[in-house]
């Protein structure tokens, strides 16, 4: 009886290990967002700030961000490059809503980054400054 118990226990342990090895690994929120973030995004409007108003983007000064697969962000104004920086995505708690968010940091990460991705879909990106009177930047994919 004791021998049967050890044999069955060993078999169950072996089977559990086999099943655990076959499960898919979880994908981090940063990895999911990084894939969806890649592309060219044009600013359409901003909201918030001290006035809290919604302001459409200035058509005379078309602002875009291009995120590439190599974690390089290129900022464009009227199609001309104004700035380039490496970007990283990381999880942190937001000051604004007290929930974990995916933050985006341009350049070297210093711990003082204050912008998180509030919404990201195949056609829309919203980046929010993590301040009480921070602005929201609304982009559409080009």
Protein backbone atom coordinates (compact mmCIF):
# COMPACT_ATOMS: atom_id res chain seq x y z
CA UNK A 1 0.00 0.00 0.00
CA UNK A 2 2.77 2.38 0.96
CA UNK A 3 4.64 1.50 -2.22
CA UNK A 4 1.51 2.21 -4.30
CA UNK A 5 1.11 5.60 -2.61
CA UNK A 6 4.71 6.63 -3.45
CA UNK A 7 4.34 5.40 -7.04
CA UNK A 8 1.08 7.36 -7.55
CA UNK A 9 2.55 10.46 -5.89
CA UNK A 10 5.60 10.28 -8.12
CA UNK A 11 3.41 9.86 -11.20
CA UNK A 12 1.20 12.84 -10.23
CA UNK A 13 4.25 15.02 -9.58
CA UNK A 14 5.73 14.04 -12.95
CA UNK A 15 2.43 14.77 -14.74
CA UNK A 16 2.07 18.15 -13.00
CA UNK A 17 5.57 19.13 -14.09
CA UNK A 18 4.81 18.13 -17.68
CA UNK A 19 1.61 20.21 -17.74
CA UNK A 20 3.33 23.21 -16.17
CA UNK A 21 6.00 23.10 -18.85
CA UNK A 22 3.40 23.26 -21.61
CA UNK A 23 1.61 26.42 -20.48
CA UNK A 24 2.23 29.70 -22.26
CA UNK A 25 4.26 32.26 -20.38
CA UNK A 26 2.44 35.41 -19.41
CA UNK A 27 3.10 38.53 -21.44
CA UNK A 28 3.89 41.67 -19.50
CA UNK A 29 1.72 44.77 -20.03
CA UNK A 30 4.80 46.61 -21.28
CA UNK A 31 5.47 43.98 -23.97
CA UNK A 32 1.88 44.08 -25.19
CA UNK A 33 1.86 47.87 -25.34
CA UNK A 34 5.31 48.03 -26.95
CA UNK A 35 4.07 46.02 -29.92
CA UNK A 36 0.94 48.14 -30.32
CA UNK A 37 2.82 51.40 -29.79
CA UNK A 38 5.15 50.96 -32.78
CA UNK A 39 4.12 53.28 -35.59
CA UNK A 40 3.50 56.90 -36.51
CA UNK A 41 1.13 58.94 -34.32
CA UNK A 42 -0.25 62.41 -35.04
CA UNK A 43 -1.41 64.75 -32.27
CA UNK A 44 -5.13 65.56 -32.62
CA UNK A 45 -5.94 67.34 -29.36
CA UNK A 46 -4.90 68.05 -25.79
CA UNK A 47 -6.94 68.43 -22.63
CA UNK A 48 -6.39 69.30 -19.00
CA UNK A 49 -3.71 71.62 -17.76
CA UNK A 50 -4.52 74.63 -15.60
CA UNK A 51 -7.62 75.52 -17.63
CA UNK A 52 -8.88 71.96 -18.07
CA UNK A 53 -10.03 72.79 -21.59
CA UNK A 54 -9.95 70.57 -24.66
CA UNK A 55 -7.84 72.13 -27.41
CA UNK A 56 -7.60 70.79 -30.94
CA UNK A 57 -4.09 70.39 -32.32
CA UNK A 58 -2.74 73.36 -34.27
CA UNK A 59 -2.97 72.41 -37.98
CA UNK A 60 -0.21 74.92 -38.80
CA UNK A 61 2.16 72.99 -36.53
CA UNK A 62 1.50 69.26 -37.15
CA UNK A 63 3.11 67.27 -34.33
CA UNK A 64 3.88 63.57 -34.65
CA UNK A 65 5.75 60.87 -32.77
CA UNK A 66 7.19 57.81 -34.47
CA UNK A 67 7.91 54.82 -32.21
CA UNK A 68 10.05 52.13 -33.83
CA UNK A 69 10.93 48.50 -32.97
CA UNK A 70 14.36 49.54 -31.66
CA UNK A 71 12.84 51.65 -28.86
CA UNK A 72 13.64 54.88 -30.68
CA UNK A 73 11.12 57.75 -30.58
CA UNK A 74 11.32 60.41 -33.28
CA UNK A 75 9.43 63.66 -32.72
CA UNK A 76 8.33 65.53 -35.85
CA UNK A 77 6.95 69.03 -36.39
CA UNK A 78 5.47 69.57 -39.86
CA UNK A 79 7.30 66.45 -41.04
CA UNK A 80 10.76 67.64 -39.93
CA UNK A 81 12.61 65.86 -37.12
CA UNK A 82 12.72 68.03 -34.02
CA UNK A 83 14.12 65.48 -31.57
CA UNK A 84 15.07 61.80 -31.23
CA UNK A 85 15.34 59.78 -28.04
CA UNK A 86 15.32 56.20 -26.88
CA UNK A 87 12.17 55.27 -24.98
CA UNK A 88 11.34 52.66 -22.37
CA UNK A 89 8.06 51.43 -20.96
CA UNK A 90 7.71 50.48 -17.30
CA UNK A 91 5.01 49.88 -14.69
CA UNK A 92 4.50 52.28 -11.77
CA UNK A 93 1.64 53.60 -9.66
CA UNK A 94 0.10 56.79 -10.95
CA UNK A 95 -0.12 59.88 -8.77
CA UNK A 96 -3.30 60.95 -10.60
CA UNK A 97 -5.41 57.79 -10.29
CA UNK A 98 -3.45 55.70 -7.75
CA UNK A 99 -3.44 52.66 -10.07
CA UNK A 100 -0.60 50.81 -11.80
CA UNK A 101 0.01 52.32 -15.23
CA UNK A 102 2.45 51.81 -18.07
CA UNK A 103 4.72 54.85 -18.10
CA UNK A 104 6.80 55.96 -21.06
CA UNK A 105 10.22 57.50 -20.46
CA UNK A 106 12.19 59.25 -23.19
CA UNK A 107 15.96 59.16 -22.89
CA UNK A 108 17.56 57.79 -19.74
CA UNK A 109 15.09 56.71 -17.09
CA UNK A 110 15.60 58.84 -13.99
CA UNK A 111 12.58 57.95 -11.86
CA UNK A 112 11.04 61.39 -12.38
CA UNK A 113 9.10 60.47 -15.52
CA UNK A 114 5.59 61.76 -15.31
CA UNK A 115 3.74 60.53 -18.41
CA UNK A 116 1.76 57.31 -18.72
CA UNK A 117 -0.20 55.61 -21.47
CA UNK A 118 -3.83 56.01 -20.50
CA UNK A 119 -5.27 54.44 -23.64
CA UNK A 120 -3.73 52.49 -26.50
CA UNK A 121 -5.61 50.83 -29.33
CA UNK A 122 -4.68 50.12 -32.94
CA UNK A 123 -5.79 53.66 -33.91
CA UNK A 124 -5.66 55.77 -30.75
CA UNK A 125 -2.96 56.70 -28.23
CA UNK A 126 -3.50 58.87 -25.15
CA UNK A 127 -0.50 59.91 -23.08
CA UNK A 128 -1.23 61.70 -19.79
CA UNK A 129 1.12 63.75 -17.64
CA UNK A 130 1.01 62.32 -14.12
CA UNK A 131 0.33 65.63 -12.33
CA UNK A 132 -2.83 66.93 -10.67
CA UNK A 133 -3.14 69.53 -13.46
CA UNK A 134 -1.36 67.47 -16.14
CA UNK A 135 -2.32 67.46 -19.79
CA UNK A 136 -3.61 64.60 -21.87
CA UNK A 137 -2.22 64.24 -25.40
CA UNK A 138 -4.46 62.47 -27.92
CA UNK A 139 -2.91 60.89 -31.01
CA UNK A 140 -4.26 58.95 -33.96
CA UNK A 141 -2.26 56.47 -36.00
CA UNK A 142 -1.17 57.68 -39.42
